[in-house]
């Protein structure tokens, strides 16, 4: 059976993403335009626009379209801004961020996932403004500052360096807490101090090294 991916993409936006209160026109246009099927393994292409987390291998999963939509809307990425993404994964959200921003630097701890995402972005002609670095975000050091930091894996608590990567007025998206009840938040680096806005509840795999310590019961 031949799948009409354009129709599947439109259905995803109209029946999944928009009903979840994603109303930002730039975000909806981006999700409507980018070929999500190009960022999943052949075995999962038929599920590319389903309301599912799609396995990427190496213990990683692609976020549901509704979560991606709410994430992008919450960050309010502008065309002149520079973005740091933590967790490249498939490269799809990197492509979305690249369509909305001026430049994206994306960190991926797994070299194979990083290489696969680079290849997918290049094959789709979407990678000109996106640089992928193989790095562990929890030990990443840079003097550069960004307007937006987007973290695609969960953390128990927000590491201080994540906020330190922001310029004044910048925004950090991150999912924090303990599975299965996690909170997606935007942390703002305002002039008068940081503040946190709660967006929605979800449950994501932890970043490598960011899971809570095991609890021993005697």
C-alpha atoms as a PDB file:
ATOM      1  CA  UNK A   1       0.000   0.000   0.000  1.00  0.00           C
ATOM      2  CA  UNK A   2       1.311   3.428  -0.962  1.00  0.00           C
ATOM      3  CA  UNK A   3       1.045   6.032   1.793  1.00  0.00           C
ATOM      4  CA  UNK A   4       0.182   9.615   0.950  1.00  0.00           C
ATOM      5  CA  UNK A   5       2.613  11.280   3.352  1.00  0.00           C
ATOM      6  CA  UNK A   6       1.374  14.775   2.503  1.00  0.00           C
ATOM      7  CA  UNK A   7      -2.134  13.778   3.550  1.00  0.00           C
ATOM      8  CA  UNK A   8      -0.801  11.997   6.642  1.00  0.00           C
ATOM      9  CA  UNK A   9       1.109  15.147   7.578  1.00  0.00           C
ATOM     10  CA  UNK A  10      -1.998  17.313   7.222  1.00  0.00           C
ATOM     11  CA  UNK A  11      -4.033  14.848   9.289  1.00  0.00           C
ATOM     12  CA  UNK A  12      -1.365  14.850  12.010  1.00  0.00           C
ATOM     13  CA  UNK A  13      -1.460  18.632  12.259  1.00  0.00           C
ATOM     14  CA  UNK A  14      -5.251  18.986  12.143  1.00  0.00           C
ATOM     15  CA  UNK A  15      -6.282  15.978  14.264  1.00  0.00           C
ATOM     16  CA  UNK A  16      -3.410  15.657  16.742  1.00  0.00           C
ATOM     17  CA  UNK A  17      -1.352  18.810  17.092  1.00  0.00           C
ATOM     18  CA  UNK A  18      -3.868  21.630  16.663  1.00  0.00           C
ATOM     19  CA  UNK A  19      -6.439  20.063  19.068  1.00  0.00           C
ATOM     20  CA  UNK A  20      -3.709  20.015  21.730  1.00  0.00           C
ATOM     21  CA  UNK A  21      -3.789  23.834  21.703  1.00  0.00           C
ATOM     22  CA  UNK A  22      -0.880  24.302  19.317  1.00  0.00           C
ATOM     23  CA  UNK A  23      -2.096  27.380  17.462  1.00  0.00           C
ATOM     24  CA  UNK A  24       1.146  29.191  16.577  1.00  0.00           C
ATOM     25  CA  UNK A  25       1.004  29.642  12.797  1.00  0.00           C
ATOM     26  CA  UNK A  26       4.781  29.339  12.247  1.00  0.00           C
ATOM     27  CA  UNK A  27       4.904  26.096  14.226  1.00  0.00           C
ATOM     28  CA  UNK A  28       1.936  24.630  12.357  1.00  0.00           C
ATOM     29  CA  UNK A  29       3.425  25.643   9.008  1.00  0.00           C
ATOM     30  CA  UNK A  30       6.736  24.004   9.933  1.00  0.00           C
ATOM     31  CA  UNK A  31       5.096  20.746  11.011  1.00  0.00           C
ATOM     32  CA  UNK A  32       2.981  20.798   7.847  1.00  0.00           C
ATOM     33  CA  UNK A  33       6.017  21.242   5.612  1.00  0.00           C
ATOM     34  CA  UNK A  34       8.750  18.980   6.994  1.00  0.00           C
ATOM     35  CA  UNK A  35       8.858  15.293   5.934  1.00  0.00           C
ATOM     36  CA  UNK A  36       8.718  13.493   9.282  1.00  0.00           C
ATOM     37  CA  UNK A  37       8.858  10.124   7.501  1.00  0.00           C
ATOM     38  CA  UNK A  38      12.402  10.948   6.353  1.00  0.00           C
ATOM     39  CA  UNK A  39      13.616  10.876   9.965  1.00  0.00           C
ATOM     40  CA  UNK A  40      12.527   7.381  11.010  1.00  0.00           C
ATOM     41  CA  UNK A  41      13.805   3.933  10.064  1.00  0.00           C
ATOM     42  CA  UNK A  42      12.169   2.291   7.043  1.00  0.00           C
ATOM     43  CA  UNK A  43      10.407  -0.186   9.317  1.00  0.00           C
ATOM     44  CA  UNK A  44       8.552   2.681  11.036  1.00  0.00           C
ATOM     45  CA  UNK A  45       7.808   4.990   8.096  1.00  0.00           C
ATOM     46  CA  UNK A  46       4.149   3.969   8.064  1.00  0.00           C
ATOM     47  CA  UNK A  47       3.919   5.191  11.680  1.00  0.00           C
ATOM     48  CA  UNK A  48       5.733   8.485  11.111  1.00  0.00           C
ATOM     49  CA  UNK A  49       2.576  10.571  11.620  1.00  0.00           C
ATOM     50  CA  UNK A  50       0.943   8.448  14.316  1.00  0.00           C
ATOM     51  CA  UNK A  51       0.354   9.606  17.881  1.00  0.00           C
ATOM     52  CA  UNK A  52       3.216   7.417  19.087  1.00  0.00           C
ATOM     53  CA  UNK A  53       6.776   7.541  20.361  1.00  0.00           C
ATOM     54  CA  UNK A  54       8.839   5.880  17.614  1.00  0.00           C
ATOM     55  CA  UNK A  55      11.942   3.816  18.548  1.00  0.00           C
ATOM     56  CA  UNK A  56      15.234   5.186  17.238  1.00  0.00           C
ATOM     57  CA  UNK A  57      17.505   2.479  18.599  1.00  0.00           C
ATOM     58  CA  UNK A  58      20.134   2.891  21.337  1.00  0.00           C
ATOM     59  CA  UNK A  59      17.320   3.152  23.870  1.00  0.00           C
ATOM     60  CA  UNK A  60      16.055   6.430  22.405  1.00  0.00           C
ATOM     61  CA  UNK A  61      12.604   7.358  21.107  1.00  0.00           C
ATOM     62  CA  UNK A  62      11.174  10.070  18.867  1.00  0.00           C
ATOM     63  CA  UNK A  63       8.728  12.270  20.768  1.00  0.00           C
ATOM     64  CA  UNK A  64       5.057  12.255  19.858  1.00  0.00           C
ATOM     65  CA  UNK A  65       4.046  14.940  17.341  1.00  0.00           C
ATOM     66  CA  UNK A  66       1.853  16.673  19.936  1.00  0.00           C
ATOM     67  CA  UNK A  67       4.790  16.985  22.344  1.00  0.00           C
ATOM     68  CA  UNK A  68       7.009  18.348  19.570  1.00  0.00           C
ATOM     69  CA  UNK A  69       4.331  20.877  18.657  1.00  0.00           C
ATOM     70  CA  UNK A  70       3.823  22.064  22.234  1.00  0.00           C
ATOM     71  CA  UNK A  71       7.593  22.267  22.727  1.00  0.00           C
ATOM     72  CA  UNK A  72       8.096  24.457  19.664  1.00  0.00           C
ATOM     73  CA  UNK A  73       5.151  26.671  20.549  1.00  0.00           C
ATOM     74  CA  UNK A  74       6.349  27.117  24.116  1.00  0.00           C
ATOM     75  CA  UNK A  75       9.833  28.211  23.010  1.00  0.00           C
ATOM     76  CA  UNK A  76       8.526  30.935  20.645  1.00  0.00           C
ATOM     77  CA  UNK A  77      11.626  30.623  18.453  1.00  0.00           C
ATOM     78  CA  UNK A  78      12.234  33.701  16.268  1.00  0.00           C
ATOM     79  CA  UNK A  79      13.911  33.814  12.863  1.00  0.00           C
ATOM     80  CA  UNK A  80      16.965  35.759  14.105  1.00  0.00           C
ATOM     81  CA  UNK A  81      17.679  33.515  17.102  1.00  0.00           C
ATOM     82  CA  UNK A  82      20.325  30.893  17.823  1.00  0.00           C
ATOM     83  CA  UNK A  83      19.316  27.581  19.398  1.00  0.00           C
ATOM     84  CA  UNK A  84      21.164  24.913  21.373  1.00  0.00           C
ATOM     85  CA  UNK A  85      19.419  21.545  21.243  1.00  0.00           C
ATOM     86  CA  UNK A  86      20.330  18.855  23.767  1.00  0.00           C
ATOM     87  CA  UNK A  87      19.632  15.427  22.278  1.00  0.00           C
ATOM     88  CA  UNK A  88      19.548  15.319  18.476  1.00  0.00           C
ATOM     89  CA  UNK A  89      17.817  11.948  18.295  1.00  0.00           C
ATOM     90  CA  UNK A  90      16.346  11.459  14.825  1.00  0.00           C
ATOM     91  CA  UNK A  91      17.159  15.007  13.722  1.00  0.00           C
ATOM     92  CA  UNK A  92      13.500  15.852  13.082  1.00  0.00           C
ATOM     93  CA  UNK A  93      13.099  18.357  15.900  1.00  0.00           C
ATOM     94  CA  UNK A  94      16.485  19.788  14.882  1.00  0.00           C
ATOM     95  CA  UNK A  95      15.017  20.352  11.419  1.00  0.00           C
ATOM     96  CA  UNK A  96      11.944  22.047  12.917  1.00  0.00           C
ATOM     97  CA  UNK A  97      14.123  24.318  15.044  1.00  0.00           C
ATOM     98  CA  UNK A  98      16.305  25.047  12.014  1.00  0.00           C
ATOM     99  CA  UNK A  99      13.246  26.120  10.039  1.00  0.00           C
ATOM    100  CA  UNK A 100      12.224  28.533  12.796  1.00  0.00           C
ATOM    101  CA  UNK A 101      15.617  29.905  13.890  1.00  0.00           C
ATOM    102  CA  UNK A 102      18.735  31.367  12.293  1.00  0.00           C
ATOM    103  CA  UNK A 103      21.093  28.654  13.540  1.00  0.00           C
ATOM    104  CA  UNK A 104      20.942  25.426  15.573  1.00  0.00           C
ATOM    105  CA  UNK A 105      23.737  23.640  17.425  1.00  0.00           C
ATOM    106  CA  UNK A 106      22.594  20.156  18.430  1.00  0.00           C
ATOM    107  CA  UNK A 107      24.358  17.889  20.940  1.00  0.00           C
ATOM    108  CA  UNK A 108      24.044  14.109  20.667  1.00  0.00           C
ATOM    109  CA  UNK A 109      25.873  11.764  23.022  1.00  0.00           C
ATOM    110  CA  UNK A 110      25.593   8.698  20.760  1.00  0.00           C
ATOM    111  CA  UNK A 111      27.918   8.895  17.717  1.00  0.00           C
ATOM    112  CA  UNK A 112      25.737   6.579  15.617  1.00  0.00           C
ATOM    113  CA  UNK A 113      22.583   8.607  16.258  1.00  0.00           C
ATOM    114  CA  UNK A 114      24.503  11.808  15.506  1.00  0.00           C
ATOM    115  CA  UNK A 115      25.779  10.440  12.197  1.00  0.00           C
ATOM    116  CA  UNK A 116      22.354   9.108  11.202  1.00  0.00           C
ATOM    117  CA  UNK A 117      20.679  12.442  11.997  1.00  0.00           C
ATOM    118  CA  UNK A 118      23.317  14.320   9.993  1.00  0.00           C
ATOM    119  CA  UNK A 119      22.721  12.034   7.016  1.00  0.00           C
ATOM    120  CA  UNK A 120      18.940  12.462   7.230  1.00  0.00           C
ATOM    121  CA  UNK A 121      19.156  16.231   7.448  1.00  0.00           C
ATOM    122  CA  UNK A 122      21.520  16.399   4.486  1.00  0.00           C
ATOM    123  CA  UNK A 123      19.433  13.990   2.406  1.00  0.00           C
ATOM    124  CA  UNK A 124      16.340  16.108   3.036  1.00  0.00           C
ATOM    125  CA  UNK A 125      18.225  19.311   2.215  1.00  0.00           C
ATOM    126  CA  UNK A 126      17.473  20.716   5.677  1.00  0.00           C
ATOM    127  CA  UNK A 127      20.844  20.817   7.353  1.00  0.00           C
ATOM    128  CA  UNK A 128      22.488  24.031   6.165  1.00  0.00           C
ATOM    129  CA  UNK A 129      21.806  25.951   9.389  1.00  0.00           C
ATOM    130  CA  UNK A 130      22.206  22.980  11.761  1.00  0.00           C
ATOM    131  CA  UNK A 131      25.475  21.776  13.297  1.00  0.00           C
ATOM    132  CA  UNK A 132      25.534  18.470  15.175  1.00  0.00           C
ATOM    133  CA  UNK A 133      28.203  17.826  17.795  1.00  0.00           C
ATOM    134  CA  UNK A 134      28.820  14.485  19.482  1.00  0.00           C
ATOM    135  CA  UNK A 135      28.933  15.465  23.140  1.00  0.00           C
ATOM    136  CA  UNK A 136      27.594  14.667  26.594  1.00  0.00           C
ATOM    137  CA  UNK A 137      25.487  17.688  27.500  1.00  0.00           C
ATOM    138  CA  UNK A 138      25.986  17.119  31.226  1.00  0.00           C
ATOM    139  CA  UNK A 139      29.724  17.691  30.717  1.00  0.00           C
ATOM    140  CA  UNK A 140      29.567  20.129  27.786  1.00  0.00           C
ATOM    141  CA  UNK A 141      31.438  23.395  28.145  1.00  0.00           C
ATOM    142  CA  UNK A 142      31.118  26.408  25.899  1.00  0.00           C
ATOM    143  CA  UNK A 143      31.530  30.148  26.230  1.00  0.00           C
ATOM    144  CA  UNK A 144      28.832  30.675  23.618  1.00  0.00           C
ATOM    145  CA  UNK A 145      25.371  31.787  24.727  1.00  0.00           C
ATOM    146  CA  UNK A 146      22.057  31.051  23.011  1.00  0.00           C
ATOM    147  CA  UNK A 147      18.614  32.594  22.772  1.00  0.00           C
ATOM    148  CA  UNK A 148      16.957  29.189  23.164  1.00  0.00           C
ATOM    149  CA  UNK A 149      17.988  25.884  24.746  1.00  0.00           C
ATOM    150  CA  UNK A 150      15.767  22.898  23.916  1.00  0.00           C
ATOM    151  CA  UNK A 151      16.342  19.711  25.930  1.00  0.00           C
ATOM    152  CA  UNK A 152      14.709  16.641  24.368  1.00  0.00           C
ATOM    153  CA  UNK A 153      15.337  14.214  27.231  1.00  0.00           C
ATOM    154  CA  UNK A 154      14.163  14.380  30.823  1.00  0.00           C
ATOM    155  CA  UNK A 155      16.161  15.353  33.910  1.00  0.00           C
ATOM    156  CA  UNK A 156      15.412  14.791  37.572  1.00  0.00           C
ATOM    157  CA  UNK A 157      16.320  18.405  38.314  1.00  0.00           C
ATOM    158  CA  UNK A 158      17.445  21.142  35.921  1.00  0.00           C
ATOM    159  CA  UNK A 159      21.283  21.292  35.811  1.00  0.00           C
ATOM    160  CA  UNK A 160      22.547  24.856  36.499  1.00  0.00           C
ATOM    161  CA  UNK A 161      24.711  24.883  33.362  1.00  0.00           C
ATOM    162  CA  UNK A 162      21.622  24.543  31.159  1.00  0.00           C
ATOM    163  CA  UNK A 163      20.431  27.963  32.317  1.00  0.00           C
ATOM    164  CA  UNK A 164      23.974  29.353  32.083  1.00  0.00           C
ATOM    165  CA  UNK A 165      23.936  28.698  28.315  1.00  0.00           C
ATOM    166  CA  UNK A 166      21.161  31.275  27.877  1.00  0.00           C
ATOM    167  CA  UNK A 167      21.547  34.876  26.886  1.00  0.00           C
ATOM    168  CA  UNK A 168      19.603  37.450  28.912  1.00  0.00           C
ATOM    169  CA  UNK A 169      15.981  37.057  27.871  1.00  0.00           C
ATOM    170  CA  UNK A 170      16.589  33.492  26.671  1.00  0.00           C
ATOM    171  CA  UNK A 171      14.315  30.473  27.151  1.00  0.00           C
ATOM    172  CA  UNK A 172      15.040  26.900  28.198  1.00  0.00           C
ATOM    173  CA  UNK A 173      12.650  24.030  27.482  1.00  0.00           C
ATOM    174  CA  UNK A 174      13.134  20.945  29.639  1.00  0.00           C
ATOM    175  CA  UNK A 175      11.127  18.067  31.085  1.00  0.00           C
ATOM    176  CA  UNK A 176      11.848  17.514  34.771  1.00  0.00           C
ATOM    177  CA  UNK A 177      10.786  15.175  37.538  1.00  0.00           C
ATOM    178  CA  UNK A 178      10.364  11.459  38.037  1.00  0.00           C
ATOM    179  CA  UNK A 179       8.624   9.038  35.705  1.00  0.00           C
ATOM    180  CA  UNK A 180       5.740   8.654  35.065  1.00  0.00           C
ATOM    181  CA  UNK A 181       4.670  12.112  36.295  1.00  0.00           C
ATOM    182  CA  UNK A 182       6.999  14.637  34.672  1.00  0.00           C
ATOM    183  CA  UNK A 183       6.509  18.323  33.989  1.00  0.00           C
ATOM    184  CA  UNK A 184       7.498  20.134  30.792  1.00  0.00           C
ATOM    185  CA  UNK A 185       8.552  23.684  31.609  1.00  0.00           C
ATOM    186  CA  UNK A 186      10.004  26.827  30.078  1.00  0.00           C
ATOM    187  CA  UNK A 187      12.599  28.535  32.261  1.00  0.00           C
ATOM    188  CA  UNK A 188      13.164  32.190  31.379  1.00  0.00           C
ATOM    189  CA  UNK A 189      16.473  33.940  31.944  1.00  0.00           C
ATOM    190  CA  UNK A 190      14.919  37.302  32.729  1.00  0.00           C
ATOM    191  CA  UNK A 191      16.837  40.431  33.693  1.00  0.00           C
ATOM    192  CA  UNK A 192      15.361  40.307  37.195  1.00  0.00           C
ATOM    193  CA  UNK A 193      16.104  36.597  37.645  1.00  0.00           C
ATOM    194  CA  UNK A 194      14.891  33.325  36.254  1.00  0.00           C
ATOM    195  CA  UNK A 195      11.260  32.208  36.314  1.00  0.00           C
ATOM    196  CA  UNK A 196       9.569  28.967  35.346  1.00  0.00           C
ATOM    197  CA  UNK A 197       6.365  28.441  33.382  1.00  0.00           C
ATOM    198  CA  UNK A 198       4.682  25.033  33.477  1.00  0.00           C
ATOM    199  CA  UNK A 199       3.511  23.845  30.042  1.00  0.00           C
ATOM    200  CA  UNK A 200       2.149  20.307  30.313  1.00  0.00           C
ATOM    201  CA  UNK A 201       2.653  16.898  31.888  1.00  0.00           C
ATOM    202  CA  UNK A 202       4.427  14.137  29.986  1.00  0.00           C
ATOM    203  CA  UNK A 203       6.852  11.249  30.419  1.00  0.00           C
ATOM    204  CA  UNK A 204      10.144  11.121  28.484  1.00  0.00           C
ATOM    205  CA  UNK A 205      13.251   8.937  28.696  1.00  0.00           C
ATOM    206  CA  UNK A 206      15.995  10.546  30.777  1.00  0.00           C
ATOM    207  CA  UNK A 207      19.109  12.052  29.301  1.00  0.00           C
ATOM    208  CA  UNK A 208      22.066   9.735  29.810  1.00  0.00           C
ATOM    209  CA  UNK A 209      23.317  10.401  33.336  1.00  0.00           C
ATOM    210  CA  UNK A 210      20.264  12.438  34.376  1.00  0.00           C
ATOM    211  CA  UNK A 211      18.056   9.702  35.815  1.00  0.00           C
ATOM    212  CA  UNK A 212      17.318   9.691  39.545  1.00  0.00           C
ATOM    213  CA  UNK A 213      19.522   7.579  41.767  1.00  0.00           C
ATOM    214  CA  UNK A 214      18.045   4.141  42.505  1.00  0.00           C
ATOM    215  CA  UNK A 215      16.053   3.950  45.719  1.00  0.00           C
ATOM    216  CA  UNK A 216      16.845   1.032  47.983  1.00  0.00           C
ATOM    217  CA  UNK A 217      14.105  -0.372  50.153  1.00  0.00           C
ATOM    218  CA  UNK A 218      15.127  -2.414  53.179  1.00  0.00           C
END
